[in-house]
Amino acid sequence: MSIEFRAVSKRFTDDAVAVDDFSLVIPSRKTTVLVGSSGSGKTTLLRMINRMVDPTSGSILIDGDDIAAMEPVALRRRIGYVMQNSGLLPHRRVIDNIATVPRLSGVPKAEAHAHALELMDTVGLDRSLAARYPSQLSGGQQQRVGVARGLAVDPNILLMDEPFGAVDPIVRADLQQELLRLQRELGKTVVFVTHDIDEAFLLGDQVVILERGAKIAQVGHPREILANPASDFVADFIGAQRGKRRLTATGASGDDVMLVDGSGYAAGLISAPGGRLAYSISDKTDQAGDA
């Protein structure tokens, strides 16, 4: 399902303009990442899609239908939503957390639980965790439960509000790769919010860089943005002006050449075993190398 914002604005008070005349088409079955600093309106935009927040003016359409005419609760039950800190119900077991929305929609308990177990397989959770409570899980496991819950009604649209921001870097990298795998397999329309430009470039088919008031500074594929920043603001936001995106080959060792970024940090290796060039570098570096 495609999503379209048409001249959308949101004013909480006369002095607090969260979103100012925002227009964007979010393509179907792709991942669009909204990235910006605090106060850029990215979470407000996300929450307008499932009517947790209604716009002051303008319209939002899903496959051409204005969501203002849709009943908010019914709309939310059709859209997956994953938030930071997972948002799990602490008094419910894992299997019941995942089955929450199907049960509210009238799905029989046995059927909802059977599907919840299948979703645990999908997101890489051992079924032995089904009877545990959220407090008995690690942070990464809780986030996987949150993703499973978001997928429980097989939504065409999945909203993700900084879902990996509260876990450590190693777990975060694992969850990012898991999301990439899920998107390859499931092909949802994903709208992902983050303040981390590296995460945006890794996950996004379309990246939208926002300034305050949800003003679009640039929108495009990560390669396009890295190769041609639209403004000094974008260049600074992605680190281009500070040399962080420029990679230098150094320290050859055997068939390997180490890459370092503008800050002097190791970014990865380029390997040419048997004289044939092959890449053995992180996704972050791979995207950066396109610059």
C-alpha atoms as a PDB file:
ATOM      1  CA  MET A   1       0.000   0.000   0.000  1.00  0.00           C
ATOM      2  CA  SER A   2       1.267   3.475  -0.860  1.00  0.00           C
ATOM      3  CA  ILE A   3       0.902   6.406   1.512  1.00  0.00           C
ATOM      4  CA  GLU A   4       0.624  10.034   0.407  1.00  0.00           C
ATOM      5  CA  PHE A   5       0.899  13.193   2.494  1.00  0.00           C
ATOM      6  CA  ARG A   6      -0.720  16.195   0.819  1.00  0.00           C
ATOM      7  CA  ALA A   7       0.172  19.618   2.258  1.00  0.00           C
ATOM      8  CA  VAL A   8      -0.063  18.289   5.821  1.00  0.00           C
ATOM      9  CA  SER A   9       0.470  20.580   8.805  1.00  0.00           C
ATOM     10  CA  LYS A  10       0.192  19.974  12.534  1.00  0.00           C
ATOM     11  CA  ARG A  11       0.025  22.748  15.107  1.00  0.00           C
ATOM     12  CA  PHE A  12      -0.246  21.748  18.748  1.00  0.00           C
ATOM     13  CA  THR A  13      -0.455  25.437  19.737  1.00  0.00           C
ATOM     14  CA  ASP A  14      -0.017  28.655  17.787  1.00  0.00           C
ATOM     15  CA  ASP A  15       3.659  28.664  18.749  1.00  0.00           C
ATOM     16  CA  ALA A  16       4.297  24.915  18.412  1.00  0.00           C
ATOM     17  CA  VAL A  17       4.303  23.898  14.746  1.00  0.00           C
ATOM     18  CA  ALA A  18       5.426  20.284  14.547  1.00  0.00           C
ATOM     19  CA  VAL A  19       4.751  19.826  10.828  1.00  0.00           C
ATOM     20  CA  ASP A  20       4.474  22.627   8.294  1.00  0.00           C
ATOM     21  CA  ASP A  21       3.057  21.958   4.798  1.00  0.00           C
ATOM     22  CA  PHE A  22       4.528  18.475   4.344  1.00  0.00           C
ATOM     23  CA  SER A  23       3.986  16.553   1.099  1.00  0.00           C
ATOM     24  CA  LEU A  24       5.487  13.150   0.278  1.00  0.00           C
ATOM     25  CA  VAL A  25       4.656   9.883  -1.470  1.00  0.00           C
ATOM     26  CA  ILE A  26       5.733   6.743   0.387  1.00  0.00           C
ATOM     27  CA  PRO A  27       5.970   3.905  -2.146  1.00  0.00           C
ATOM     28  CA  SER A  28       4.367   0.520  -1.621  1.00  0.00           C
ATOM     29  CA  ARG A  29       6.417  -2.469  -0.402  1.00  0.00           C
ATOM     30  CA  LYS A  30       9.534  -0.367   0.251  1.00  0.00           C
ATOM     31  CA  THR A  31      11.180   0.986   3.393  1.00  0.00           C
ATOM     32  CA  THR A  32      11.003   4.763   3.787  1.00  0.00           C
ATOM     33  CA  VAL A  33      13.098   6.199   6.621  1.00  0.00           C
ATOM     34  CA  LEU A  34      12.293   9.563   8.195  1.00  0.00           C
ATOM     35  CA  VAL A  35      15.495  10.874   9.753  1.00  0.00           C
ATOM     36  CA  GLY A  36      16.158  14.102  11.609  1.00  0.00           C
ATOM     37  CA  SER A  37      17.117  15.623  14.917  1.00  0.00           C
ATOM     38  CA  SER A  38      14.772  16.041  17.872  1.00  0.00           C
ATOM     39  CA  GLY A  39      11.996  18.463  16.982  1.00  0.00           C
ATOM     40  CA  SER A  40      12.047  17.695  13.271  1.00  0.00           C
ATOM     41  CA  GLY A  41       8.509  16.276  13.371  1.00  0.00           C
ATOM     42  CA  LYS A  42       9.378  12.746  12.284  1.00  0.00           C
ATOM     43  CA  THR A  43       7.449  10.933  15.037  1.00  0.00           C
ATOM     44  CA  THR A  44       4.439  13.222  14.556  1.00  0.00           C
ATOM     45  CA  LEU A  45       4.412  12.305  10.858  1.00  0.00           C
ATOM     46  CA  LEU A  46       4.548   8.615  11.710  1.00  0.00           C
ATOM     47  CA  ARG A  47       1.699   8.836  14.207  1.00  0.00           C
ATOM     48  CA  MET A  48      -0.481  10.676  11.719  1.00  0.00           C
ATOM     49  CA  ILE A  49      -0.492   7.607   9.473  1.00  0.00           C
ATOM     50  CA  ASN A  50      -2.471   5.541  12.004  1.00  0.00           C
ATOM     51  CA  ARG A  51      -4.370   8.561  13.367  1.00  0.00           C
ATOM     52  CA  MET A  52      -2.767   8.577  16.783  1.00  0.00           C
ATOM     53  CA  VAL A  53      -2.334  12.233  15.817  1.00  0.00           C
ATOM     54  CA  ASP A  54      -4.646  14.022  13.371  1.00  0.00           C
ATOM     55  CA  PRO A  55      -3.330  16.812  11.127  1.00  0.00           C
ATOM     56  CA  THR A  56      -4.446  20.392  11.595  1.00  0.00           C
ATOM     57  CA  SER A  57      -4.708  20.737   7.818  1.00  0.00           C
ATOM     58  CA  GLY A  58      -3.978  18.741   4.700  1.00  0.00           C
ATOM     59  CA  SER A  59      -4.752  15.102   4.015  1.00  0.00           C
ATOM     60  CA  ILE A  60      -3.157  11.663   4.217  1.00  0.00           C
ATOM     61  CA  LEU A  61      -4.174   8.962   1.764  1.00  0.00           C
ATOM     62  CA  ILE A  62      -3.579   5.204   1.804  1.00  0.00           C
ATOM     63  CA  ASP A  63      -3.956   3.751  -1.687  1.00  0.00           C
ATOM     64  CA  GLY A  64      -5.896   6.861  -2.622  1.00  0.00           C
ATOM     65  CA  ASP A  65      -8.341   6.754   0.303  1.00  0.00           C
ATOM     66  CA  ASP A  66      -8.346   9.645   2.796  1.00  0.00           C
ATOM     67  CA  ILE A  67      -7.751   8.218   6.269  1.00  0.00           C
ATOM     68  CA  ALA A  68      -9.772  11.076   7.814  1.00  0.00           C
ATOM     69  CA  ALA A  69     -12.867   9.138   6.743  1.00  0.00           C
ATOM     70  CA  MET A  70     -11.678   5.948   8.482  1.00  0.00           C
ATOM     71  CA  GLU A  71     -12.515   4.956  12.038  1.00  0.00           C
ATOM     72  CA  PRO A  72      -9.247   5.411  14.008  1.00  0.00           C
ATOM     73  CA  VAL A  73      -9.291   2.179  16.038  1.00  0.00           C
ATOM     74  CA  ALA A  74     -10.161   0.058  12.998  1.00  0.00           C
ATOM     75  CA  LEU A  75      -7.390   1.768  11.032  1.00  0.00           C
ATOM     76  CA  ARG A  76      -4.820   1.091  13.769  1.00  0.00           C
ATOM     77  CA  ARG A  77      -5.706  -2.583  13.876  1.00  0.00           C
ATOM     78  CA  ARG A  78      -4.817  -2.816  10.169  1.00  0.00           C
ATOM     79  CA  ILE A  79      -1.422  -1.174  10.605  1.00  0.00           C
ATOM     80  CA  GLY A  80       1.540  -2.687  12.447  1.00  0.00           C
ATOM     81  CA  TYR A  81       3.233  -0.438  14.996  1.00  0.00           C
ATOM     82  CA  VAL A  82       6.599  -1.044  16.682  1.00  0.00           C
ATOM     83  CA  MET A  83       7.963   1.467  19.173  1.00  0.00           C
ATOM     84  CA  GLN A  84      11.102   2.076  21.185  1.00  0.00           C
ATOM     85  CA  ASN A  85      11.335  -0.067  24.352  1.00  0.00           C
ATOM     86  CA  SER A  86       8.952  -2.515  22.626  1.00  0.00           C
ATOM     87  CA  GLY A  87       5.861  -1.232  24.531  1.00  0.00           C
ATOM     88  CA  LEU A  88       4.974  -4.735  25.704  1.00  0.00           C
ATOM     89  CA  LEU A  89       2.312  -5.355  28.318  1.00  0.00           C
ATOM     90  CA  PRO A  90       4.338  -6.406  31.388  1.00  0.00           C
ATOM     91  CA  HIS A  91       1.606  -8.585  32.917  1.00  0.00           C
ATOM     92  CA  ARG A  92       1.099 -10.670  29.775  1.00  0.00           C
ATOM     93  CA  ARG A  93       3.184 -13.558  28.538  1.00  0.00           C
ATOM     94  CA  VAL A  94       5.113 -13.265  25.275  1.00  0.00           C
ATOM     95  CA  ILE A  95       2.563 -15.323  23.354  1.00  0.00           C
ATOM     96  CA  ASP A  96      -0.309 -13.172  24.648  1.00  0.00           C
ATOM     97  CA  ASN A  97       1.532  -9.941  23.826  1.00  0.00           C
ATOM     98  CA  ILE A  98       1.975 -11.070  20.234  1.00  0.00           C
ATOM     99  CA  ALA A  99      -1.655 -12.171  19.995  1.00  0.00           C
ATOM    100  CA  THR A 100      -3.069  -8.940  21.460  1.00  0.00           C
ATOM    101  CA  VAL A 101      -4.453  -7.300  18.310  1.00  0.00           C
ATOM    102  CA  PRO A 102      -5.791 -10.501  16.681  1.00  0.00           C
ATOM    103  CA  ARG A 103      -7.622 -11.323  19.922  1.00  0.00           C
ATOM    104  CA  LEU A 104      -9.097  -7.799  20.036  1.00  0.00           C
ATOM    105  CA  SER A 105     -10.194  -8.328  16.433  1.00  0.00           C
ATOM    106  CA  GLY A 106     -12.118 -11.466  17.366  1.00  0.00           C
ATOM    107  CA  VAL A 107      -9.645 -14.185  16.383  1.00  0.00           C
ATOM    108  CA  PRO A 108     -10.124 -17.290  18.577  1.00  0.00           C
ATOM    109  CA  LYS A 109      -7.455 -17.739  21.238  1.00  0.00           C
ATOM    110  CA  ALA A 110      -6.102 -21.049  19.919  1.00  0.00           C
ATOM    111  CA  GLU A 111      -5.758 -19.665  16.399  1.00  0.00           C
ATOM    112  CA  ALA A 112      -4.133 -16.437  17.618  1.00  0.00           C
ATOM    113  CA  HIS A 113      -1.652 -18.375  19.763  1.00  0.00           C
ATOM    114  CA  ALA A 114      -0.760 -20.732  16.910  1.00  0.00           C
ATOM    115  CA  HIS A 115      -0.047 -17.759  14.656  1.00  0.00           C
ATOM    116  CA  ALA A 116       1.953 -16.076  17.456  1.00  0.00           C
ATOM    117  CA  LEU A 117       4.234 -19.117  17.632  1.00  0.00           C
ATOM    118  CA  GLU A 118       4.745 -18.955  13.865  1.00  0.00           C
ATOM    119  CA  LEU A 119       5.651 -15.271  14.179  1.00  0.00           C
ATOM    120  CA  MET A 120       8.200 -16.102  16.860  1.00  0.00           C
ATOM    121  CA  ASP A 121       9.866 -18.327  14.262  1.00  0.00           C
ATOM    122  CA  THR A 122       9.692 -15.496  11.725  1.00  0.00           C
ATOM    123  CA  VAL A 123      11.481 -12.971  13.941  1.00  0.00           C
ATOM    124  CA  GLY A 124      14.046 -15.433  15.259  1.00  0.00           C
ATOM    125  CA  LEU A 125      12.676 -16.121  18.742  1.00  0.00           C
ATOM    126  CA  ASP A 126      12.792 -19.579  20.297  1.00  0.00           C
ATOM    127  CA  ARG A 127       9.302 -20.894  21.025  1.00  0.00           C
ATOM    128  CA  SER A 128      10.446 -21.809  24.532  1.00  0.00           C
ATOM    129  CA  LEU A 129      10.164 -18.090  25.373  1.00  0.00           C
ATOM    130  CA  ALA A 130       6.415 -18.017  24.662  1.00  0.00           C
ATOM    131  CA  ALA A 131       5.404 -18.497  28.307  1.00  0.00           C
ATOM    132  CA  ARG A 132       7.814 -15.916  29.696  1.00  0.00           C
ATOM    133  CA  TYR A 133       6.992 -12.348  30.695  1.00  0.00           C
ATOM    134  CA  PRO A 134       8.714  -9.304  29.168  1.00  0.00           C
ATOM    135  CA  SER A 135      10.816  -8.715  32.291  1.00  0.00           C
ATOM    136  CA  GLN A 136      12.359 -12.164  31.784  1.00  0.00           C
ATOM    137  CA  LEU A 137      13.657 -11.271  28.306  1.00  0.00           C
ATOM    138  CA  SER A 138      16.720  -9.368  27.137  1.00  0.00           C
ATOM    139  CA  GLY A 139      16.256  -6.012  25.436  1.00  0.00           C
ATOM    140  CA  GLY A 140      16.841  -7.533  22.013  1.00  0.00           C
ATOM    141  CA  GLN A 141      14.331 -10.297  22.671  1.00  0.00           C
ATOM    142  CA  GLN A 142      11.741  -7.747  23.788  1.00  0.00           C
ATOM    143  CA  GLN A 143      12.203  -5.805  20.551  1.00  0.00           C
ATOM    144  CA  ARG A 144      11.748  -8.976  18.515  1.00  0.00           C
ATOM    145  CA  VAL A 145       8.501  -9.640  20.382  1.00  0.00           C
ATOM    146  CA  GLY A 146       7.474  -6.075  19.532  1.00  0.00           C
ATOM    147  CA  VAL A 147       8.151  -6.704  15.847  1.00  0.00           C
ATOM    148  CA  ALA A 148       6.210  -9.988  15.989  1.00  0.00           C
ATOM    149  CA  ARG A 149       3.269  -8.182  17.592  1.00  0.00           C
ATOM    150  CA  GLY A 150       3.415  -5.538  14.860  1.00  0.00           C
ATOM    151  CA  LEU A 151       3.182  -8.281  12.233  1.00  0.00           C
ATOM    152  CA  ALA A 152       0.424 -10.225  13.976  1.00  0.00           C
ATOM    153  CA  VAL A 153      -2.422  -9.060  11.734  1.00  0.00           C
ATOM    154  CA  ASP A 154      -0.279  -9.384   8.582  1.00  0.00           C
ATOM    155  CA  PRO A 155      -0.442  -5.630   7.943  1.00  0.00           C
ATOM    156  CA  ASN A 156       0.454  -4.110   4.607  1.00  0.00           C
ATOM    157  CA  ILE A 157       1.902  -1.121   6.490  1.00  0.00           C
ATOM    158  CA  LEU A 158       4.411  -1.362   9.351  1.00  0.00           C
ATOM    159  CA  LEU A 159       5.271   1.763  11.356  1.00  0.00           C
ATOM    160  CA  MET A 160       8.511   1.682  13.367  1.00  0.00           C
ATOM    161  CA  ASP A 161       9.313   4.526  15.786  1.00  0.00           C
ATOM    162  CA  GLU A 162      13.018   4.318  16.708  1.00  0.00           C
ATOM    163  CA  PRO A 163      12.519   0.633  17.553  1.00  0.00           C
ATOM    164  CA  PHE A 164      16.203  -0.180  18.087  1.00  0.00           C
ATOM    165  CA  GLY A 165      17.282   2.963  19.924  1.00  0.00           C
ATOM    166  CA  ALA A 166      17.249   1.467  23.441  1.00  0.00           C
ATOM    167  CA  VAL A 167      19.472  -1.573  22.859  1.00  0.00           C
ATOM    168  CA  ASP A 168      23.253  -1.852  22.785  1.00  0.00           C
ATOM    169  CA  PRO A 169      25.137  -1.462  19.467  1.00  0.00           C
ATOM    170  CA  ILE A 170      25.739  -5.190  18.929  1.00  0.00           C
ATOM    171  CA  VAL A 171      22.084  -6.101  19.477  1.00  0.00           C
ATOM    172  CA  ARG A 172      21.016  -3.107  17.399  1.00  0.00           C
ATOM    173  CA  ALA A 173      23.110  -4.258  14.448  1.00  0.00           C
ATOM    174  CA  ASP A 174      21.582  -7.738  14.737  1.00  0.00           C
ATOM    175  CA  LEU A 175      18.046  -6.317  14.790  1.00  0.00           C
ATOM    176  CA  GLN A 176      18.772  -4.118  11.782  1.00  0.00           C
ATOM    177  CA  GLN A 177      19.902  -7.136   9.791  1.00  0.00           C
ATOM    178  CA  GLU A 178      16.811  -9.014  10.944  1.00  0.00           C
ATOM    179  CA  LEU A 179      14.594  -6.207   9.643  1.00  0.00           C
ATOM    180  CA  LEU A 180      16.372  -6.273   6.284  1.00  0.00           C
ATOM    181  CA  ARG A 181      15.761 -10.032   6.093  1.00  0.00           C
ATOM    182  CA  LEU A 182      12.105  -9.682   7.031  1.00  0.00           C
ATOM    183  CA  GLN A 183      11.550  -6.982   4.447  1.00  0.00           C
ATOM    184  CA  ARG A 184      13.134  -9.115   1.724  1.00  0.00           C
ATOM    185  CA  GLU A 185      10.799 -11.965   2.656  1.00  0.00           C
ATOM    186  CA  LEU A 186       7.578 -10.079   3.469  1.00  0.00           C
ATOM    187  CA  GLY A 187       7.702  -6.915   1.338  1.00  0.00           C
ATOM    188  CA  LYS A 188       5.771  -4.563   3.640  1.00  0.00           C
ATOM    189  CA  THR A 189       5.360  -0.816   3.265  1.00  0.00           C
ATOM    190  CA  VAL A 190       7.638   0.183   6.139  1.00  0.00           C
ATOM    191  CA  VAL A 191       7.880   3.700   7.575  1.00  0.00           C
ATOM    192  CA  PHE A 192      10.849   3.856   9.941  1.00  0.00           C
ATOM    193  CA  VAL A 193      11.785   6.782  12.203  1.00  0.00           C
ATOM    194  CA  THR A 194      15.322   7.334  13.457  1.00  0.00           C
ATOM    195  CA  HIS A 195      17.756  10.104  14.356  1.00  0.00           C
ATOM    196  CA  ASP A 196      20.708   7.973  13.182  1.00  0.00           C
ATOM    197  CA  ILE A 197      21.760   8.685   9.589  1.00  0.00           C
ATOM    198  CA  ASP A 198      23.807   5.480   9.363  1.00  0.00           C
ATOM    199  CA  GLU A 199      20.745   3.444  10.331  1.00  0.00           C
ATOM    200  CA  ALA A 200      18.701   5.378   7.777  1.00  0.00           C
ATOM    201  CA  PHE A 201      21.186   4.662   4.985  1.00  0.00           C
ATOM    202  CA  LEU A 202      21.397   0.986   5.921  1.00  0.00           C
ATOM    203  CA  LEU A 203      17.651   0.327   6.037  1.00  0.00           C
ATOM    204  CA  GLY A 204      16.057   2.803   3.664  1.00  0.00           C
ATOM    205  CA  ASP A 205      15.031   2.358   0.054  1.00  0.00           C
ATOM    206  CA  GLN A 206      13.913   5.981   0.360  1.00  0.00           C
ATOM    207  CA  VAL A 207      15.483   8.302   2.957  1.00  0.00           C
ATOM    208  CA  VAL A 208      13.807  11.572   3.926  1.00  0.00           C
ATOM    209  CA  ILE A 209      16.062  14.033   5.767  1.00  0.00           C
ATOM    210  CA  LEU A 210      14.009  16.492   7.793  1.00  0.00           C
ATOM    211  CA  GLU A 211      14.684  19.917   9.218  1.00  0.00           C
ATOM    212  CA  ARG A 212      12.596  21.506  11.977  1.00  0.00           C
ATOM    213  CA  GLY A 213       8.897  21.592  11.174  1.00  0.00           C
ATOM    214  CA  ALA A 214       9.260  18.471   8.983  1.00  0.00           C
ATOM    215  CA  LYS A 215      10.697  20.534   6.166  1.00  0.00           C
ATOM    216  CA  ILE A 216      12.200  18.128   3.644  1.00  0.00           C
ATOM    217  CA  ALA A 217      15.888  18.899   3.216  1.00  0.00           C
ATOM    218  CA  GLN A 218      16.369  16.022   0.758  1.00  0.00           C
ATOM    219  CA  VAL A 219      14.628  12.819  -0.252  1.00  0.00           C
ATOM    220  CA  GLY A 220      16.091   9.965  -2.266  1.00  0.00           C
ATOM    221  CA  HIS A 221      17.960   6.687  -2.262  1.00  0.00           C
ATOM    222  CA  PRO A 222      20.985   6.641   0.089  1.00  0.00           C
ATOM    223  CA  ARG A 223      23.375   6.550  -2.898  1.00  0.00           C
ATOM    224  CA  GLU A 224      21.780   9.671  -4.380  1.00  0.00           C
ATOM    225  CA  ILE A 225      22.014  11.590  -1.108  1.00  0.00           C
ATOM    226  CA  LEU A 226      25.601  10.527  -0.443  1.00  0.00           C
ATOM    227  CA  ALA A 227      26.707  11.404  -3.965  1.00  0.00           C
ATOM    228  CA  ASN A 228      24.848  14.726  -4.223  1.00  0.00           C
ATOM    229  CA  PRO A 229      23.856  16.383  -0.909  1.00  0.00           C
ATOM    230  CA  ALA A 230      21.178  18.960  -1.722  1.00  0.00           C
ATOM    231  CA  SER A 231      22.451  21.612   0.699  1.00  0.00           C
ATOM    232  CA  ASP A 232      25.059  22.446   3.307  1.00  0.00           C
ATOM    233  CA  PHE A 233      22.557  21.259   5.937  1.00  0.00           C
ATOM    234  CA  VAL A 234      22.350  17.817   4.328  1.00  0.00           C
ATOM    235  CA  ALA A 235      26.096  17.601   3.787  1.00  0.00           C
ATOM    236  CA  ASP A 236      26.698  18.411   7.437  1.00  0.00           C
ATOM    237  CA  PHE A 237      23.942  16.047   8.626  1.00  0.00           C
ATOM    238  CA  ILE A 238      25.378  13.070   6.759  1.00  0.00           C
ATOM    239  CA  GLY A 239      28.945  13.987   7.753  1.00  0.00           C
ATOM    240  CA  ALA A 240      30.214  14.804   4.272  1.00  0.00           C
ATOM    241  CA  GLN A 241      31.597  18.211   5.246  1.00  0.00           C
ATOM    242  CA  ARG A 242      33.528  16.688   8.139  1.00  0.00           C
ATOM    243  CA  GLY A 243      35.110  14.061   5.922  1.00  0.00           C
ATOM    244  CA  LYS A 244      33.377  11.209   7.712  1.00  0.00           C
ATOM    245  CA  ARG A 245      32.096   9.758   4.458  1.00  0.00           C
ATOM    246  CA  ARG A 246      35.424   9.863   2.648  1.00  0.00           C
ATOM    247  CA  LEU A 247      37.282   6.566   2.868  1.00  0.00           C
ATOM    248  CA  THR A 248      41.028   6.117   2.413  1.00  0.00           C
ATOM    249  CA  ALA A 249      42.807   2.857   1.618  1.00  0.00           C
ATOM    250  CA  THR A 250      45.769   2.182   3.854  1.00  0.00           C
ATOM    251  CA  GLY A 251      47.820  -0.544   5.533  1.00  0.00           C
ATOM    252  CA  ALA A 252      47.876  -3.326   2.940  1.00  0.00           C
ATOM    253  CA  SER A 253      48.302  -6.749   4.556  1.00  0.00           C
ATOM    254  CA  GLY A 254      48.559  -9.690   2.205  1.00  0.00           C
ATOM    255  CA  ASP A 255      45.537  -9.477  -0.074  1.00  0.00           C
ATOM    256  CA  ASP A 256      43.649  -7.105   2.239  1.00  0.00           C
ATOM    257  CA  VAL A 257      43.550  -3.298   2.213  1.00  0.00           C
ATOM    258  CA  MET A 258      42.139  -1.535   5.259  1.00  0.00           C
ATOM    259  CA  LEU A 259      39.779   1.419   4.821  1.00  0.00           C
ATOM    260  CA  VAL A 260      39.703   4.288   7.301  1.00  0.00           C
ATOM    261  CA  ASP A 261      37.194   7.118   7.473  1.00  0.00           C
ATOM    262  CA  GLY A 262      37.833  10.830   7.863  1.00  0.00           C
ATOM    263  CA  SER A 263      38.098  10.476  11.627  1.00  0.00           C
ATOM    264  CA  GLY A 264      40.781   7.822  11.345  1.00  0.00           C
ATOM    265  CA  TYR A 265      38.554   4.941  12.422  1.00  0.00           C
ATOM    266  CA  ALA A 266      38.806   1.587  10.677  1.00  0.00           C
ATOM    267  CA  ALA A 267      35.793   1.188   8.398  1.00  0.00           C
ATOM    268  CA  GLY A 268      36.458  -2.223   6.891  1.00  0.00           C
ATOM    269  CA  LEU A 269      38.559  -4.235   4.477  1.00  0.00           C
ATOM    270  CA  ILE A 270      38.778  -4.607   0.735  1.00  0.00           C
ATOM    271  CA  SER A 271      39.980  -8.095  -0.135  1.00  0.00           C
ATOM    272  CA  ALA A 272      41.327  -9.340  -3.441  1.00  0.00           C
ATOM    273  CA  PRO A 273      42.001 -13.050  -2.956  1.00  0.00           C
ATOM    274  CA  GLY A 274      43.694 -14.594  -5.981  1.00  0.00           C
ATOM    275  CA  GLY A 275      43.800 -11.197  -7.646  1.00  0.00           C
ATOM    276  CA  ARG A 276      39.995 -10.938  -7.792  1.00  0.00           C
ATOM    277  CA  LEU A 277      38.526  -7.933  -5.979  1.00  0.00           C
ATOM    278  CA  ALA A 278      35.867  -8.751  -3.406  1.00  0.00           C
ATOM    279  CA  TYR A 279      34.337  -6.617  -0.689  1.00  0.00           C
ATOM    280  CA  SER A 280      34.438  -7.602   2.952  1.00  0.00           C
ATOM    281  CA  ILE A 281      33.145  -4.462   4.610  1.00  0.00           C
ATOM    282  CA  SER A 282      30.198  -3.408   6.721  1.00  0.00           C
ATOM    283  CA  ASP A 283      26.898  -2.225   5.228  1.00  0.00           C
ATOM    284  CA  LYS A 284      27.664   1.185   6.663  1.00  0.00           C
ATOM    285  CA  THR A 285      30.957   1.331   4.797  1.00  0.00           C
ATOM    286  CA  ASP A 286      29.408  -0.035   1.632  1.00  0.00           C
ATOM    287  CA  GLN A 287      26.902   2.807   1.605  1.00  0.00           C
ATOM    288  CA  ALA A 288      29.613   5.315   2.453  1.00  0.00           C
ATOM    289  CA  GLY A 289      31.808   4.045  -0.347  1.00  0.00           C
ATOM    290  CA  ASP A 290      29.159   5.132  -2.837  1.00  0.00           C
ATOM    291  CA  ALA A 291      30.160   8.703  -2.036  1.00  0.00           C
END
